[in-house]
Amino acid sequence: MTAFPPRVIELVQSLLSAACDMWAVGSGYCVGEPIGEPSANEVHAILRDFGERQHLIEEISGYLKSIGRDIAVDCPD
């Protein structure tokens, strides 16, 4: 089993707890932010406080896959 950075786990779990819909897609991920309050404000605060995450795309995607939150992508050859 791959060990994921604790910060990545904390980010994903915080966003999921805030009613954010997150999925690994291929080697990346997508975040479906909630529209309603107070969840939307909570999600924005979590993302702002976490800071830059571009360098963690593969780790976030990998963690989402490990918890069953992935969407299979069929890529033509």
PDB file of N, CA and C in Angstrom:
ATOM      1  N   MET A   1       0.844  -1.192   0.000  1.00  0.00           N
ATOM      2  CA  MET A   1       0.000   0.000   0.000  1.00  0.00           C
ATOM      3  C   MET A   1       0.882   1.246   0.000  1.00  0.00           C
ATOM      4  N   THR A   2       0.486   2.235  -0.776  1.00  0.00           N
ATOM      5  CA  THR A   2       1.230   3.472  -0.868  1.00  0.00           C
ATOM      6  C   THR A   2       0.899   4.368   0.320  1.00  0.00           C
ATOM      7  N   ALA A   3       1.937   4.952   0.900  1.00  0.00           N
ATOM      8  CA  ALA A   3       1.715   5.915   1.984  1.00  0.00           C
ATOM      9  C   ALA A   3       1.500   7.292   1.365  1.00  0.00           C
ATOM     10  N   PHE A   4       0.444   7.946   1.757  1.00  0.00           N
ATOM     11  CA  PHE A   4       0.132   9.270   1.242  1.00  0.00           C
ATOM     12  C   PHE A   4       0.507  10.309   2.280  1.00  0.00           C
ATOM     13  N   PRO A   5       0.952  11.486   1.826  1.00  0.00           N
ATOM     14  CA  PRO A   5       1.299  12.542   2.775  1.00  0.00           C
ATOM     15  C   PRO A   5       0.094  12.865   3.666  1.00  0.00           C
ATOM     16  N   PRO A   6       0.310  12.985   4.967  1.00  0.00           N
ATOM     17  CA  PRO A   6      -0.802  13.300   5.872  1.00  0.00           C
ATOM     18  C   PRO A   6      -1.572  14.546   5.466  1.00  0.00           C
ATOM     19  N   ARG A   7      -0.881  15.520   4.902  1.00  0.00           N
ATOM     20  CA  ARG A   7      -1.551  16.747   4.460  1.00  0.00           C
ATOM     21  C   ARG A   7      -2.532  16.484   3.336  1.00  0.00           C
ATOM     22  N   VAL A   8      -2.199  15.554   2.444  1.00  0.00           N
ATOM     23  CA  VAL A   8      -3.095  15.195   1.345  1.00  0.00           C
ATOM     24  C   VAL A   8      -4.346  14.524   1.901  1.00  0.00           C
ATOM     25  N   ILE A   9      -4.159  13.599   2.808  1.00  0.00           N
ATOM     26  CA  ILE A   9      -5.292  12.909   3.431  1.00  0.00           C
ATOM     27  C   ILE A   9      -6.186  13.912   4.151  1.00  0.00           C
ATOM     28  N   GLU A  10      -5.582  14.816   4.891  1.00  0.00           N
ATOM     29  CA  GLU A  10      -6.345  15.830   5.619  1.00  0.00           C
ATOM     30  C   GLU A  10      -7.136  16.715   4.664  1.00  0.00           C
ATOM     31  N   LEU A  11      -6.518  17.133   3.563  1.00  0.00           N
ATOM     32  CA  LEU A  11      -7.214  17.972   2.583  1.00  0.00           C
ATOM     33  C   LEU A  11      -8.425  17.251   2.021  1.00  0.00           C
ATOM     34  N   VAL A  12      -8.219  16.036   1.531  1.00  0.00           N
ATOM     35  CA  VAL A  12      -9.312  15.286   0.911  1.00  0.00           C
ATOM     36  C   VAL A  12     -10.434  15.037   1.922  1.00  0.00           C
ATOM     37  N   GLN A  13     -10.089  14.589   3.111  1.00  0.00           N
ATOM     38  CA  GLN A  13     -11.111  14.302   4.111  1.00  0.00           C
ATOM     39  C   GLN A  13     -11.867  15.568   4.524  1.00  0.00           C
ATOM     40  N   SER A  14     -11.153  16.683   4.629  1.00  0.00           N
ATOM     41  CA  SER A  14     -11.804  17.956   4.981  1.00  0.00           C
ATOM     42  C   SER A  14     -12.786  18.380   3.896  1.00  0.00           C
ATOM     43  N   LEU A  15     -12.371  18.255   2.636  1.00  0.00           N
ATOM     44  CA  LEU A  15     -13.252  18.646   1.536  1.00  0.00           C
ATOM     45  C   LEU A  15     -14.462  17.728   1.437  1.00  0.00           C
ATOM     46  N   LEU A  16     -14.262  16.433   1.600  1.00  0.00           N
ATOM     47  CA  LEU A  16     -15.394  15.507   1.554  1.00  0.00           C
ATOM     48  C   LEU A  16     -16.356  15.779   2.708  1.00  0.00           C
ATOM     49  N   SER A  17     -15.831  16.089   3.869  1.00  0.00           N
ATOM     50  CA  SER A  17     -16.672  16.395   5.033  1.00  0.00           C
ATOM     51  C   SER A  17     -17.460  17.685   4.844  1.00  0.00           C
ATOM     52  N   ALA A  18     -16.943  18.563   3.995  1.00  0.00           N
ATOM     53  CA  ALA A  18     -17.608  19.840   3.724  1.00  0.00           C
ATOM     54  C   ALA A  18     -18.569  19.737   2.544  1.00  0.00           C
ATOM     55  N   ALA A  19     -18.980  18.526   2.195  1.00  0.00           N
ATOM     56  CA  ALA A  19     -19.945  18.273   1.119  1.00  0.00           C
ATOM     57  C   ALA A  19     -19.376  18.556  -0.264  1.00  0.00           C
ATOM     58  N   CYS A  20     -18.058  18.453  -0.397  1.00  0.00           N
ATOM     59  CA  CYS A  20     -17.403  18.642  -1.680  1.00  0.00           C
ATOM     60  C   CYS A  20     -17.347  17.285  -2.383  1.00  0.00           C
ATOM     61  N   ASP A  21     -17.672  17.246  -3.639  1.00  0.00           N
ATOM     62  CA  ASP A  21     -17.643  16.006  -4.404  1.00  0.00           C
ATOM     63  C   ASP A  21     -16.317  15.939  -5.153  1.00  0.00           C
ATOM     64  N   MET A  22     -15.434  15.032  -4.724  1.00  0.00           N
ATOM     65  CA  MET A  22     -14.100  14.912  -5.327  1.00  0.00           C
ATOM     66  C   MET A  22     -13.936  13.537  -5.942  1.00  0.00           C
ATOM     67  N   TRP A  23     -13.289  13.507  -7.114  1.00  0.00           N
ATOM     68  CA  TRP A  23     -13.039  12.249  -7.806  1.00  0.00           C
ATOM     69  C   TRP A  23     -11.679  12.288  -8.481  1.00  0.00           C
ATOM     70  N   ALA A  24     -10.979  11.155  -8.440  1.00  0.00           N
ATOM     71  CA  ALA A  24      -9.773  10.988  -9.248  1.00  0.00           C
ATOM     72  C   ALA A  24     -10.246  10.719 -10.669  1.00  0.00           C
ATOM     73  N   VAL A  25      -9.611  11.381 -11.627  1.00  0.00           N
ATOM     74  CA  VAL A  25      -9.928  11.187 -13.040  1.00  0.00           C
ATOM     75  C   VAL A  25      -8.594  11.048 -13.760  1.00  0.00           C
ATOM     76  N   GLY A  26      -8.320   9.835 -14.238  1.00  0.00           N
ATOM     77  CA  GLY A  26      -7.016   9.595 -14.836  1.00  0.00           C
ATOM     78  C   GLY A  26      -5.929   9.820 -13.795  1.00  0.00           C
ATOM     79  N   SER A  27      -4.923  10.615 -14.131  1.00  0.00           N
ATOM     80  CA  SER A  27      -3.858  10.895 -13.168  1.00  0.00           C
ATOM     81  C   SER A  27      -4.099  12.214 -12.438  1.00  0.00           C
ATOM     82  N   GLY A  28      -5.269  12.812 -12.654  1.00  0.00           N
ATOM     83  CA  GLY A  28      -5.619  14.056 -11.977  1.00  0.00           C
ATOM     84  C   GLY A  28      -6.835  13.870 -11.093  1.00  0.00           C
ATOM     85  N   TYR A  29      -7.482  14.954 -10.785  1.00  0.00           N
ATOM     86  CA  TYR A  29      -8.691  14.883  -9.967  1.00  0.00           C
ATOM     87  C   TYR A  29      -9.570  16.084 -10.273  1.00  0.00           C
ATOM     88  N   CYS A  30     -10.840  15.982  -9.883  1.00  0.00           N
ATOM     89  CA  CYS A  30     -11.749  17.113 -10.038  1.00  0.00           C
ATOM     90  C   CYS A  30     -12.464  17.345  -8.715  1.00  0.00           C
ATOM     91  N   VAL A  31     -12.819  18.591  -8.503  1.00  0.00           N
ATOM     92  CA  VAL A  31     -13.500  19.002  -7.282  1.00  0.00           C
ATOM     93  C   VAL A  31     -14.811  19.649  -7.679  1.00  0.00           C
ATOM     94  N   GLY A  32     -15.901  19.077  -7.229  1.00  0.00           N
ATOM     95  CA  GLY A  32     -17.217  19.664  -7.451  1.00  0.00           C
ATOM     96  C   GLY A  32     -17.609  20.413  -6.191  1.00  0.00           C
ATOM     97  N   GLU A  33     -17.368  21.708  -6.196  1.00  0.00           N
ATOM     98  CA  GLU A  33     -17.641  22.507  -5.003  1.00  0.00           C
ATOM     99  C   GLU A  33     -19.137  22.680  -4.794  1.00  0.00           C
ATOM    100  N   PRO A  34     -19.582  22.605  -3.539  1.00  0.00           N
ATOM    101  CA  PRO A  34     -21.003  22.809  -3.255  1.00  0.00           C
ATOM    102  C   PRO A  34     -21.401  24.260  -3.508  1.00  0.00           C
ATOM    103  N   ILE A  35     -22.647  24.453  -3.880  1.00  0.00           N
ATOM    104  CA  ILE A  35     -23.148  25.789  -4.173  1.00  0.00           C
ATOM    105  C   ILE A  35     -23.733  26.431  -2.921  1.00  0.00           C
ATOM    106  N   GLY A  36     -24.405  25.641  -2.102  1.00  0.00           N
ATOM    107  CA  GLY A  36     -25.110  26.176  -0.937  1.00  0.00           C
ATOM    108  C   GLY A  36     -24.192  26.574   0.208  1.00  0.00           C
ATOM    109  N   GLU A  37     -24.662  27.509   0.982  1.00  0.00           N
ATOM    110  CA  GLU A  37     -23.951  27.937   2.182  1.00  0.00           C
ATOM    111  C   GLU A  37     -24.407  27.063   3.340  1.00  0.00           C
ATOM    112  N   PRO A  38     -23.611  26.803   4.351  1.00  0.00           N
ATOM    113  CA  PRO A  38     -22.270  27.341   4.560  1.00  0.00           C
ATOM    114  C   PRO A  38     -21.171  26.497   3.921  1.00  0.00           C
ATOM    115  N   SER A  39     -21.540  25.397   3.261  1.00  0.00           N
ATOM    116  CA  SER A  39     -20.536  24.491   2.690  1.00  0.00           C
ATOM    117  C   SER A  39     -19.614  25.177   1.694  1.00  0.00           C
ATOM    118  N   ALA A  40     -20.136  26.027   0.829  1.00  0.00           N
ATOM    119  CA  ALA A  40     -19.301  26.689  -0.177  1.00  0.00           C
ATOM    120  C   ALA A  40     -18.228  27.542   0.488  1.00  0.00           C
ATOM    121  N   ASN A  41     -18.602  28.300   1.512  1.00  0.00           N
ATOM    122  CA  ASN A  41     -17.616  29.123   2.220  1.00  0.00           C
ATOM    123  C   ASN A  41     -16.579  28.252   2.912  1.00  0.00           C
ATOM    124  N   GLU A  42     -17.020  27.136   3.478  1.00  0.00           N
ATOM    125  CA  GLU A  42     -16.102  26.223   4.165  1.00  0.00           C
ATOM    126  C   GLU A  42     -15.086  25.646   3.169  1.00  0.00           C
ATOM    127  N   VAL A  43     -15.558  25.227   2.000  1.00  0.00           N
ATOM    128  CA  VAL A  43     -14.668  24.670   0.979  1.00  0.00           C
ATOM    129  C   VAL A  43     -13.658  25.724   0.520  1.00  0.00           C
ATOM    130  N   HIS A  44     -14.107  26.924   0.270  1.00  0.00           N
ATOM    131  CA  HIS A  44     -13.193  27.990  -0.161  1.00  0.00           C
ATOM    132  C   HIS A  44     -12.140  28.259   0.916  1.00  0.00           C
ATOM    133  N   ALA A  45     -12.540  28.235   2.174  1.00  0.00           N
ATOM    134  CA  ALA A  45     -11.587  28.458   3.264  1.00  0.00           C
ATOM    135  C   ALA A  45     -10.575  27.312   3.347  1.00  0.00           C
ATOM    136  N   ILE A  46     -11.040  26.088   3.176  1.00  0.00           N
ATOM    137  CA  ILE A  46     -10.136  24.925   3.215  1.00  0.00           C
ATOM    138  C   ILE A  46      -9.102  25.037   2.100  1.00  0.00           C
ATOM    139  N   LEU A  47      -9.555  25.339   0.889  1.00  0.00           N
ATOM    140  CA  LEU A  47      -8.642  25.446  -0.248  1.00  0.00           C
ATOM    141  C   LEU A  47      -7.674  26.617  -0.083  1.00  0.00           C
ATOM    142  N   ARG A  48      -8.167  27.733   0.411  1.00  0.00           N
ATOM    143  CA  ARG A  48      -7.309  28.903   0.639  1.00  0.00           C
ATOM    144  C   ARG A  48      -6.244  28.591   1.693  1.00  0.00           C
ATOM    145  N   ASP A  49      -6.663  27.994   2.798  1.00  0.00           N
ATOM    146  CA  ASP A  49      -5.732  27.687   3.884  1.00  0.00           C
ATOM    147  C   ASP A  49      -4.711  26.630   3.489  1.00  0.00           C
ATOM    148  N   PHE A  50      -5.114  25.689   2.640  1.00  0.00           N
ATOM    149  CA  PHE A  50      -4.191  24.640   2.212  1.00  0.00           C
ATOM    150  C   PHE A  50      -3.093  25.217   1.341  1.00  0.00           C
ATOM    151  N   GLY A  51      -3.463  26.139   0.476  1.00  0.00           N
ATOM    152  CA  GLY A  51      -2.470  26.757  -0.401  1.00  0.00           C
ATOM    153  C   GLY A  51      -2.265  25.982  -1.693  1.00  0.00           C
ATOM    154  N   GLU A  52      -1.126  26.196  -2.301  1.00  0.00           N
ATOM    155  CA  GLU A  52      -0.783  25.591  -3.591  1.00  0.00           C
ATOM    156  C   GLU A  52      -0.847  24.071  -3.501  1.00  0.00           C
ATOM    157  N   ARG A  53      -1.492  23.467  -4.474  1.00  0.00           N
ATOM    158  CA  ARG A  53      -1.584  22.002  -4.490  1.00  0.00           C
ATOM    159  C   ARG A  53      -1.242  21.404  -5.851  1.00  0.00           C
ATOM    160  N   GLN A  54      -0.816  22.240  -6.768  1.00  0.00           N
ATOM    161  CA  GLN A  54      -0.462  21.784  -8.113  1.00  0.00           C
ATOM    162  C   GLN A  54       0.567  20.658  -8.070  1.00  0.00           C
ATOM    163  N   HIS A  55       1.541  20.769  -7.181  1.00  0.00           N
ATOM    164  CA  HIS A  55       2.609  19.768  -7.087  1.00  0.00           C
ATOM    165  C   HIS A  55       2.143  18.466  -6.426  1.00  0.00           C
ATOM    166  N   LEU A  56       0.904  18.435  -5.949  1.00  0.00           N
ATOM    167  CA  LEU A  56       0.374  17.257  -5.258  1.00  0.00           C
ATOM    168  C   LEU A  56      -0.719  16.536  -6.047  1.00  0.00           C
ATOM    169  N   ILE A  57      -0.876  16.895  -7.313  1.00  0.00           N
ATOM    170  CA  ILE A  57      -1.962  16.326  -8.116  1.00  0.00           C
ATOM    171  C   ILE A  57      -1.939  14.797  -8.090  1.00  0.00           C
ATOM    172  N   GLU A  58      -0.790  14.188  -8.339  1.00  0.00           N
ATOM    173  CA  GLU A  58      -0.725  12.723  -8.387  1.00  0.00           C
ATOM    174  C   GLU A  58      -1.010  12.099  -7.031  1.00  0.00           C
ATOM    175  N   GLU A  59      -0.541  12.718  -5.945  1.00  0.00           N
ATOM    176  CA  GLU A  59      -0.793  12.184  -4.612  1.00  0.00           C
ATOM    177  C   GLU A  59      -2.271  12.287  -4.244  1.00  0.00           C
ATOM    178  N   ILE A  60      -2.893  13.428  -4.579  1.00  0.00           N
ATOM    179  CA  ILE A  60      -4.321  13.602  -4.295  1.00  0.00           C
ATOM    180  C   ILE A  60      -5.127  12.603  -5.110  1.00  0.00           C
ATOM    181  N   SER A  61      -4.805  12.457  -6.386  1.00  0.00           N
ATOM    182  CA  SER A  61      -5.485  11.493  -7.245  1.00  0.00           C
ATOM    183  C   SER A  61      -5.307  10.077  -6.715  1.00  0.00           C
ATOM    184  N   GLY A  62      -4.092   9.735  -6.341  1.00  0.00           N
ATOM    185  CA  GLY A  62      -3.823   8.394  -5.806  1.00  0.00           C
ATOM    186  C   GLY A  62      -4.595   8.109  -4.540  1.00  0.00           C
ATOM    187  N   TYR A  63      -4.676   9.095  -3.656  1.00  0.00           N
ATOM    188  CA  TYR A  63      -5.430   8.892  -2.413  1.00  0.00           C
ATOM    189  C   TYR A  63      -6.920   8.718  -2.707  1.00  0.00           C
ATOM    190  N   LEU A  64      -7.456   9.552  -3.599  1.00  0.00           N
ATOM    191  CA  LEU A  64      -8.867   9.401  -3.960  1.00  0.00           C
ATOM    192  C   LEU A  64      -9.135   8.010  -4.531  1.00  0.00           C
ATOM    193  N   LYS A  65      -8.242   7.514  -5.374  1.00  0.00           N
ATOM    194  CA  LYS A  65      -8.405   6.159  -5.924  1.00  0.00           C
ATOM    195  C   LYS A  65      -8.369   5.121  -4.810  1.00  0.00           C
ATOM    196  N   SER A  66      -7.489   5.314  -3.841  1.00  0.00           N
ATOM    197  CA  SER A  66      -7.338   4.331  -2.761  1.00  0.00           C
ATOM    198  C   SER A  66      -8.576   4.235  -1.885  1.00  0.00           C
ATOM    199  N   ILE A  67      -9.399   5.295  -1.873  1.00  0.00           N
ATOM    200  CA  ILE A  67     -10.626   5.258  -1.074  1.00  0.00           C
ATOM    201  C   ILE A  67     -11.864   5.046  -1.944  1.00  0.00           C
ATOM    202  N   GLY A  68     -11.624   4.637  -3.201  1.00  0.00           N
ATOM    203  CA  GLY A  68     -12.735   4.274  -4.084  1.00  0.00           C
ATOM    204  C   GLY A  68     -13.432   5.437  -4.740  1.00  0.00           C
ATOM    205  N   ARG A  69     -12.795   6.595  -4.792  1.00  0.00           N
ATOM    206  CA  ARG A  69     -13.406   7.761  -5.413  1.00  0.00           C
ATOM    207  C   ARG A  69     -12.690   8.059  -6.723  1.00  0.00           C
ATOM    208  N   ASP A  70     -12.905   7.177  -7.705  1.00  0.00           N
ATOM    209  CA  ASP A  70     -12.268   7.375  -9.004  1.00  0.00           C
ATOM    210  C   ASP A  70     -13.242   7.088 -10.128  1.00  0.00           C
ATOM    211  N   ILE A  71     -12.980   7.747 -11.225  1.00  0.00           N
ATOM    212  CA  ILE A  71     -13.773   7.584 -12.436  1.00  0.00           C
ATOM    213  C   ILE A  71     -12.835   7.014 -13.494  1.00  0.00           C
ATOM    214  N   ALA A  72     -13.199   5.871 -14.045  1.00  0.00           N
ATOM    215  CA  ALA A  72     -12.368   5.246 -15.076  1.00  0.00           C
ATOM    216  C   ALA A  72     -12.447   6.066 -16.356  1.00  0.00           C
ATOM    217  N   VAL A  73     -11.301   6.250 -16.958  1.00  0.00           N
ATOM    218  CA  VAL A  73     -11.220   6.994 -18.209  1.00  0.00           C
ATOM    219  C   VAL A  73     -10.643   6.071 -19.265  1.00  0.00           C
ATOM    220  N   ASP A  74     -11.403   5.848 -20.316  1.00  0.00           N
ATOM    221  CA  ASP A  74     -10.923   5.040 -21.431  1.00  0.00           C
ATOM    222  C   ASP A  74     -10.249   5.956 -22.434  1.00  0.00           C
ATOM    223  N   CYS A  75      -8.971   5.731 -22.671  1.00  0.00           N
ATOM    224  CA  CYS A  75      -8.227   6.533 -23.623  1.00  0.00           C
ATOM    225  C   CYS A  75      -7.953   5.700 -24.868  1.00  0.00           C
ATOM    226  N   PRO A  76      -8.327   6.210 -26.036  1.00  0.00           N
ATOM    227  CA  PRO A  76      -8.045   5.469 -27.257  1.00  0.00           C
ATOM    228  C   PRO A  76      -6.533   5.423 -27.508  1.00  0.00           C
ATOM    229  N   ASP A  77      -6.080   4.356 -28.119  1.00  0.00           N
ATOM    230  CA  ASP A  77      -4.650   4.202 -28.401  1.00  0.00           C
ATOM    231  C   ASP A  77      -4.175   5.177 -29.435  1.00  0.00           C
TER     232      ASP A  77
END
